[in-house]
């Protein structure tokens, strides 16, 4: 039997006031991904069967390169936010949770950076 009142037990267990940013960021990236995905699908339908030089010419356009980089940033950030929520909700052990979060963030940054470098190399003609 505890001598604490119910309010004393509840103090410090409330909201950390950080969920709003996470929720908003996930919704904004989803809203950005909707038109960008349609643009990418539309584009991929028309470049089907094209050779590398045609695709390099297409990606050499600043608009296409910028939209593709924006798509990649939104995609990896949105995926990171979603996986982070799953880890925080379903991994019980604190050290496993922290380890998984660090690993997922590292992999998301690595994949996003690699994809961005690939787009920039083709855009710059390197």
N, C-alpha and C. Protein backbone atom coordinates (compact mmCIF):
# COMPACT_ATOMS: atom_id res chain seq x y z
N UNK A 1 0.84 -1.17 0.00
CA UNK A 1 0.00 0.00 0.00
C UNK A 1 0.89 1.24 0.00
N UNK A 2 0.58 2.15 -0.90
CA UNK A 2 1.37 3.35 -1.04
C UNK A 2 0.74 4.51 -0.27
N UNK A 3 1.59 5.37 0.25
CA UNK A 3 1.11 6.54 0.97
C UNK A 3 0.93 7.74 0.06
N UNK A 4 1.24 7.57 -1.24
CA UNK A 4 1.10 8.67 -2.19
C UNK A 4 -0.36 8.81 -2.61
N UNK A 5 -0.75 10.05 -2.85
CA UNK A 5 -2.08 10.30 -3.39
C UNK A 5 -2.06 10.01 -4.89
N UNK A 6 -3.22 9.79 -5.48
CA UNK A 6 -3.25 9.52 -6.92
C UNK A 6 -2.63 10.63 -7.76
N UNK A 7 -2.80 11.88 -7.36
CA UNK A 7 -2.21 12.98 -8.13
C UNK A 7 -0.69 12.97 -8.02
N UNK A 8 -0.16 12.58 -6.87
CA UNK A 8 1.29 12.51 -6.70
C UNK A 8 1.88 11.40 -7.58
N UNK A 9 1.15 10.30 -7.72
CA UNK A 9 1.61 9.22 -8.59
C UNK A 9 1.61 9.65 -10.05
N UNK A 10 0.66 10.46 -10.42
CA UNK A 10 0.51 10.86 -11.82
C UNK A 10 1.46 11.96 -12.24
N UNK A 11 1.94 12.74 -11.31
CA UNK A 11 2.84 13.85 -11.67
C UNK A 11 4.11 13.32 -12.33
N UNK A 12 4.51 13.98 -13.36
CA UNK A 12 5.72 13.57 -14.07
C UNK A 12 5.48 12.47 -15.08
N UNK A 13 4.26 11.96 -15.17
CA UNK A 13 3.97 10.90 -16.13
C UNK A 13 3.17 11.42 -17.32
N UNK A 14 2.93 12.71 -17.36
CA UNK A 14 2.10 13.29 -18.41
C UNK A 14 2.86 13.51 -19.69
N UNK A 15 2.30 14.33 -20.51
CA UNK A 15 2.85 14.62 -21.82
C UNK A 15 4.19 15.34 -21.70
N UNK A 16 5.09 15.00 -22.59
CA UNK A 16 6.39 15.67 -22.63
C UNK A 16 6.32 16.92 -23.51
N UNK A 17 5.15 17.19 -24.06
CA UNK A 17 4.92 18.36 -24.92
C UNK A 17 5.79 18.33 -26.19
N UNK A 18 6.14 17.14 -26.66
CA UNK A 18 6.95 17.03 -27.86
C UNK A 18 6.24 16.26 -28.96
N UNK A 19 5.08 15.72 -28.69
CA UNK A 19 4.38 14.92 -29.68
C UNK A 19 3.79 15.73 -30.81
N UNK A 20 3.47 16.98 -30.56
CA UNK A 20 2.86 17.82 -31.59
C UNK A 20 3.81 18.04 -32.76
N UNK A 21 5.06 18.30 -32.48
CA UNK A 21 6.04 18.50 -33.56
C UNK A 21 6.16 17.23 -34.41
N UNK A 22 6.26 16.10 -33.78
CA UNK A 22 6.40 14.83 -34.48
C UNK A 22 5.17 14.57 -35.35
N UNK A 23 4.00 14.77 -34.78
CA UNK A 23 2.75 14.54 -35.50
C UNK A 23 2.64 15.48 -36.70
N UNK A 24 2.97 16.76 -36.48
CA UNK A 24 2.89 17.75 -37.54
C UNK A 24 3.89 17.45 -38.66
N UNK A 25 5.10 17.08 -38.28
CA UNK A 25 6.12 16.76 -39.29
C UNK A 25 5.70 15.57 -40.14
N UNK A 26 5.10 14.57 -39.51
CA UNK A 26 4.68 13.39 -40.27
C UNK A 26 3.54 13.75 -41.23
N UNK A 27 2.62 14.60 -40.81
CA UNK A 27 1.52 15.02 -41.69
C UNK A 27 2.03 15.90 -42.83
N UNK A 28 2.97 16.78 -42.54
CA UNK A 28 3.51 17.65 -43.59
C UNK A 28 4.28 16.85 -44.64
N UNK A 29 5.06 15.88 -44.19
CA UNK A 29 5.80 15.07 -45.16
C UNK A 29 4.84 14.20 -45.97
N UNK A 30 3.76 13.75 -45.36
CA UNK A 30 2.76 12.98 -46.12
C UNK A 30 2.09 13.86 -47.17
N UNK A 31 1.78 15.10 -46.80
CA UNK A 31 1.17 16.03 -47.77
C UNK A 31 2.15 16.38 -48.89
N UNK A 32 3.42 16.45 -48.59
CA UNK A 32 4.41 16.72 -49.64
C UNK A 32 4.61 15.51 -50.53
N UNK A 33 4.54 14.32 -49.94
CA UNK A 33 4.76 13.11 -50.73
C UNK A 33 3.63 12.81 -51.70
N UNK A 34 2.43 13.23 -51.41
CA UNK A 34 1.30 12.93 -52.29
C UNK A 34 1.51 13.50 -53.70
N UNK A 35 1.70 14.80 -53.87
CA UNK A 35 1.92 15.30 -55.24
C UNK A 35 3.27 14.89 -55.82
N UNK A 36 4.28 14.79 -54.97
CA UNK A 36 5.59 14.37 -55.48
C UNK A 36 5.56 12.93 -55.99
N UNK A 37 4.81 12.07 -55.33
CA UNK A 37 4.68 10.68 -55.79
C UNK A 37 3.95 10.63 -57.12
N UNK A 38 2.89 11.42 -57.25
CA UNK A 38 2.17 11.47 -58.53
C UNK A 38 3.09 11.97 -59.64
N UNK A 39 3.88 13.00 -59.35
CA UNK A 39 4.83 13.52 -60.33
C UNK A 39 5.83 12.44 -60.73
N UNK A 40 6.36 11.71 -59.74
CA UNK A 40 7.36 10.69 -60.03
C UNK A 40 6.76 9.53 -60.83
N UNK A 41 5.57 9.10 -60.48
CA UNK A 41 4.92 8.02 -61.23
C UNK A 41 4.65 8.46 -62.66
N UNK A 42 4.12 9.67 -62.83
CA UNK A 42 3.86 10.21 -64.15
C UNK A 42 5.15 10.25 -64.98
N UNK A 43 6.23 10.71 -64.37
CA UNK A 43 7.51 10.80 -65.05
C UNK A 43 8.06 9.43 -65.40
N UNK A 44 7.98 8.50 -64.47
CA UNK A 44 8.53 7.17 -64.72
C UNK A 44 7.77 6.42 -65.82
N UNK A 45 6.50 6.70 -65.96
CA UNK A 45 5.73 6.08 -67.04
C UNK A 45 6.27 6.52 -68.40
N UNK A 46 6.62 7.80 -68.50
CA UNK A 46 7.09 8.32 -69.78
C UNK A 46 8.56 8.06 -70.06
N UNK A 47 9.35 7.73 -69.08
CA UNK A 47 10.76 7.43 -69.34
C UNK A 47 11.04 5.93 -69.33
N UNK A 48 10.00 5.13 -69.27
CA UNK A 48 10.17 3.68 -69.30
C UNK A 48 10.84 3.28 -70.61
N UNK A 49 11.90 2.52 -70.50
CA UNK A 49 12.63 2.05 -71.67
C UNK A 49 13.68 3.01 -72.17
N UNK A 50 13.85 4.14 -71.52
CA UNK A 50 14.85 5.11 -71.95
C UNK A 50 16.25 4.64 -71.56
N UNK A 51 17.24 5.05 -72.32
CA UNK A 51 18.61 4.69 -71.98
C UNK A 51 19.19 5.68 -70.95
N UNK A 52 20.40 5.39 -70.50
CA UNK A 52 21.00 6.19 -69.44
C UNK A 52 21.18 7.65 -69.84
N UNK A 53 21.61 7.88 -71.07
CA UNK A 53 21.85 9.27 -71.48
C UNK A 53 20.56 10.09 -71.52
N UNK A 54 19.46 9.45 -71.89
CA UNK A 54 18.17 10.16 -71.87
C UNK A 54 17.76 10.50 -70.44
N UNK A 55 17.96 9.55 -69.54
CA UNK A 55 17.63 9.80 -68.14
C UNK A 55 18.55 10.85 -67.54
N UNK A 56 19.82 10.82 -67.94
CA UNK A 56 20.76 11.83 -67.44
C UNK A 56 20.37 13.21 -67.95
N UNK A 57 19.90 13.29 -69.19
CA UNK A 57 19.41 14.56 -69.72
C UNK A 57 18.18 15.03 -68.95
N UNK A 58 17.27 14.10 -68.67
CA UNK A 58 16.07 14.43 -67.90
C UNK A 58 16.44 14.94 -66.51
N UNK A 59 17.39 14.25 -65.86
CA UNK A 59 17.79 14.65 -64.51
C UNK A 59 18.71 15.87 -64.54
N UNK A 60 19.24 16.22 -65.69
CA UNK A 60 20.05 17.42 -65.83
C UNK A 60 19.23 18.69 -65.75
N UNK A 61 17.93 18.57 -65.85
CA UNK A 61 17.03 19.71 -65.69
C UNK A 61 16.93 20.04 -64.20
N UNK A 62 17.11 21.31 -63.86
CA UNK A 62 17.13 21.73 -62.46
C UNK A 62 15.80 21.44 -61.76
N UNK A 63 14.70 21.58 -62.47
CA UNK A 63 13.38 21.33 -61.88
C UNK A 63 13.23 19.86 -61.50
N UNK A 64 13.60 18.96 -62.41
CA UNK A 64 13.48 17.54 -62.13
C UNK A 64 14.42 17.11 -61.00
N UNK A 65 15.64 17.64 -61.00
CA UNK A 65 16.58 17.29 -59.94
C UNK A 65 16.09 17.80 -58.59
N UNK A 66 15.57 19.03 -58.55
CA UNK A 66 15.09 19.59 -57.29
C UNK A 66 13.87 18.83 -56.78
N UNK A 67 12.94 18.49 -57.67
CA UNK A 67 11.76 17.74 -57.25
C UNK A 67 12.14 16.34 -56.76
N UNK A 68 13.10 15.71 -57.42
CA UNK A 68 13.53 14.39 -56.99
C UNK A 68 14.24 14.45 -55.63
N UNK A 69 15.05 15.47 -55.41
CA UNK A 69 15.70 15.64 -54.10
C UNK A 69 14.67 15.92 -53.01
N UNK A 70 13.68 16.73 -53.33
CA UNK A 70 12.61 17.00 -52.36
C UNK A 70 11.82 15.74 -52.05
N UNK A 71 11.56 14.94 -53.08
CA UNK A 71 10.88 13.66 -52.87
C UNK A 71 11.70 12.74 -51.96
N UNK A 72 13.00 12.65 -52.23
CA UNK A 72 13.85 11.77 -51.43
C UNK A 72 13.92 12.23 -49.98
N UNK A 73 14.08 13.54 -49.76
CA UNK A 73 14.13 14.06 -48.39
C UNK A 73 12.83 13.76 -47.66
N UNK A 74 11.71 14.05 -48.31
CA UNK A 74 10.41 13.80 -47.68
C UNK A 74 10.19 12.33 -47.41
N UNK A 75 10.57 11.49 -48.35
CA UNK A 75 10.38 10.05 -48.21
C UNK A 75 11.15 9.48 -47.03
N UNK A 76 12.44 9.79 -46.95
CA UNK A 76 13.25 9.22 -45.88
C UNK A 76 12.89 9.81 -44.52
N UNK A 77 12.55 11.09 -44.48
CA UNK A 77 12.16 11.70 -43.20
C UNK A 77 10.81 11.14 -42.73
N UNK A 78 9.87 10.97 -43.65
CA UNK A 78 8.57 10.41 -43.30
C UNK A 78 8.71 8.96 -42.81
N UNK A 79 9.54 8.20 -43.50
CA UNK A 79 9.77 6.81 -43.07
C UNK A 79 10.44 6.77 -41.70
N UNK A 80 11.39 7.64 -41.48
CA UNK A 80 12.07 7.70 -40.18
C UNK A 80 11.08 8.00 -39.06
N UNK A 81 10.21 8.97 -39.28
CA UNK A 81 9.22 9.33 -38.26
C UNK A 81 8.28 8.16 -37.98
N UNK A 82 7.85 7.46 -39.01
CA UNK A 82 6.95 6.33 -38.82
C UNK A 82 7.58 5.18 -38.07
N UNK A 83 8.81 4.83 -38.45
CA UNK A 83 9.50 3.73 -37.77
C UNK A 83 9.83 4.11 -36.33
N UNK A 84 10.13 5.38 -36.10
CA UNK A 84 10.41 5.84 -34.74
C UNK A 84 9.21 5.64 -33.84
N UNK A 85 8.02 5.92 -34.32
CA UNK A 85 6.81 5.73 -33.53
C UNK A 85 6.61 4.26 -33.20
N UNK A 86 6.84 3.39 -34.17
CA UNK A 86 6.67 1.95 -33.94
C UNK A 86 7.66 1.47 -32.89
N UNK A 87 8.90 1.91 -32.98
CA UNK A 87 9.92 1.49 -32.01
C UNK A 87 9.56 2.00 -30.62
N UNK A 88 9.18 3.27 -30.52
CA UNK A 88 8.84 3.83 -29.21
C UNK A 88 7.64 3.14 -28.59
N UNK A 89 6.70 2.69 -29.42
CA UNK A 89 5.49 2.07 -28.89
C UNK A 89 5.67 0.60 -28.54
N UNK A 90 6.51 -0.12 -29.27
CA UNK A 90 6.53 -1.58 -29.12
C UNK A 90 7.82 -2.18 -28.56
N UNK A 91 8.87 -1.41 -28.42
CA UNK A 91 10.10 -1.94 -27.83
C UNK A 91 10.09 -1.57 -26.35
N UNK A 92 10.14 -2.59 -25.49
CA UNK A 92 9.98 -2.36 -24.05
C UNK A 92 11.27 -1.94 -23.37
N UNK A 93 12.34 -2.63 -23.65
CA UNK A 93 13.61 -2.37 -22.97
C UNK A 93 14.17 -1.01 -23.42
N UNK A 94 14.54 -0.20 -22.45
CA UNK A 94 15.02 1.16 -22.76
C UNK A 94 16.30 1.14 -23.59
N UNK A 95 17.24 0.26 -23.27
CA UNK A 95 18.50 0.23 -24.03
C UNK A 95 18.27 -0.30 -25.44
N UNK A 96 17.34 -1.23 -25.62
CA UNK A 96 17.03 -1.71 -26.96
C UNK A 96 16.32 -0.63 -27.77
N UNK A 97 15.46 0.11 -27.10
CA UNK A 97 14.75 1.20 -27.77
C UNK A 97 15.74 2.25 -28.27
N UNK A 98 16.66 2.64 -27.41
CA UNK A 98 17.65 3.65 -27.80
C UNK A 98 18.55 3.12 -28.91
N UNK A 99 18.97 1.87 -28.80
CA UNK A 99 19.81 1.27 -29.83
C UNK A 99 19.10 1.20 -31.17
N UNK A 100 17.84 0.79 -31.15
CA UNK A 100 17.07 0.72 -32.40
C UNK A 100 16.87 2.11 -33.00
N UNK A 101 16.57 3.09 -32.17
CA UNK A 101 16.36 4.45 -32.67
C UNK A 101 17.63 5.01 -33.30
N UNK A 102 18.76 4.78 -32.66
CA UNK A 102 20.04 5.26 -33.21
C UNK A 102 20.33 4.56 -34.54
N UNK A 103 20.11 3.25 -34.59
CA UNK A 103 20.36 2.49 -35.81
C UNK A 103 19.46 2.94 -36.95
N UNK A 104 18.17 3.13 -36.66
CA UNK A 104 17.22 3.55 -37.69
C UNK A 104 17.56 4.95 -38.20
N UNK A 105 17.91 5.85 -37.29
CA UNK A 105 18.26 7.21 -37.72
C UNK A 105 19.53 7.20 -38.57
N UNK A 106 20.50 6.40 -38.17
CA UNK A 106 21.74 6.30 -38.94
C UNK A 106 21.46 5.76 -40.34
N UNK A 107 20.66 4.69 -40.43
CA UNK A 107 20.36 4.09 -41.73
C UNK A 107 19.54 5.03 -42.62
N UNK A 108 18.61 5.76 -42.01
CA UNK A 108 17.81 6.71 -42.80
C UNK A 108 18.69 7.83 -43.35
N UNK A 109 19.58 8.36 -42.52
CA UNK A 109 20.48 9.41 -42.99
C UNK A 109 21.45 8.89 -44.04
N UNK A 110 21.95 7.67 -43.84
CA UNK A 110 22.87 7.07 -44.81
C UNK A 110 22.18 6.85 -46.15
N UNK A 111 20.98 6.30 -46.13
CA UNK A 111 20.25 6.05 -47.37
C UNK A 111 19.88 7.36 -48.06
N UNK A 112 19.40 8.34 -47.29
CA UNK A 112 19.04 9.63 -47.87
C UNK A 112 20.23 10.36 -48.46
N UNK A 113 21.35 10.32 -47.74
CA UNK A 113 22.56 10.97 -48.24
C UNK A 113 23.08 10.27 -49.50
N UNK A 114 23.05 8.95 -49.51
CA UNK A 114 23.51 8.20 -50.68
C UNK A 114 22.64 8.50 -51.90
N UNK A 115 21.32 8.51 -51.71
CA UNK A 115 20.42 8.80 -52.82
C UNK A 115 20.61 10.23 -53.31
N UNK A 116 20.78 11.17 -52.40
CA UNK A 116 20.99 12.57 -52.79
C UNK A 116 22.29 12.75 -53.55
N UNK A 117 23.34 12.10 -53.11
CA UNK A 117 24.62 12.17 -53.81
C UNK A 117 24.50 11.59 -55.21
N UNK A 118 23.76 10.47 -55.35
CA UNK A 118 23.56 9.87 -56.66
C UNK A 118 22.83 10.83 -57.61
N UNK A 119 21.80 11.49 -57.09
CA UNK A 119 21.05 12.45 -57.92
C UNK A 119 21.96 13.62 -58.31
N UNK A 120 22.71 14.13 -57.35
CA UNK A 120 23.58 15.27 -57.63
C UNK A 120 24.70 14.92 -58.60
N UNK A 121 25.21 13.69 -58.52
CA UNK A 121 26.27 13.26 -59.47
C UNK A 121 25.75 13.24 -60.89
N UNK A 122 24.53 12.72 -61.06
CA UNK A 122 23.98 12.69 -62.40
C UNK A 122 23.63 14.09 -62.87
N UNK A 123 23.07 14.90 -61.97
CA UNK A 123 22.72 16.28 -62.33
C UNK A 123 23.96 17.09 -62.76
N UNK A 124 25.03 16.93 -62.01
CA UNK A 124 26.25 17.69 -62.31
C UNK A 124 27.09 17.05 -63.42
N UNK A 125 26.73 15.84 -63.84
CA UNK A 125 27.45 15.17 -64.93
C UNK A 125 28.79 14.60 -64.49
N UNK A 126 28.91 14.22 -63.25
CA UNK A 126 30.17 13.66 -62.74
C UNK A 126 30.25 12.17 -62.97
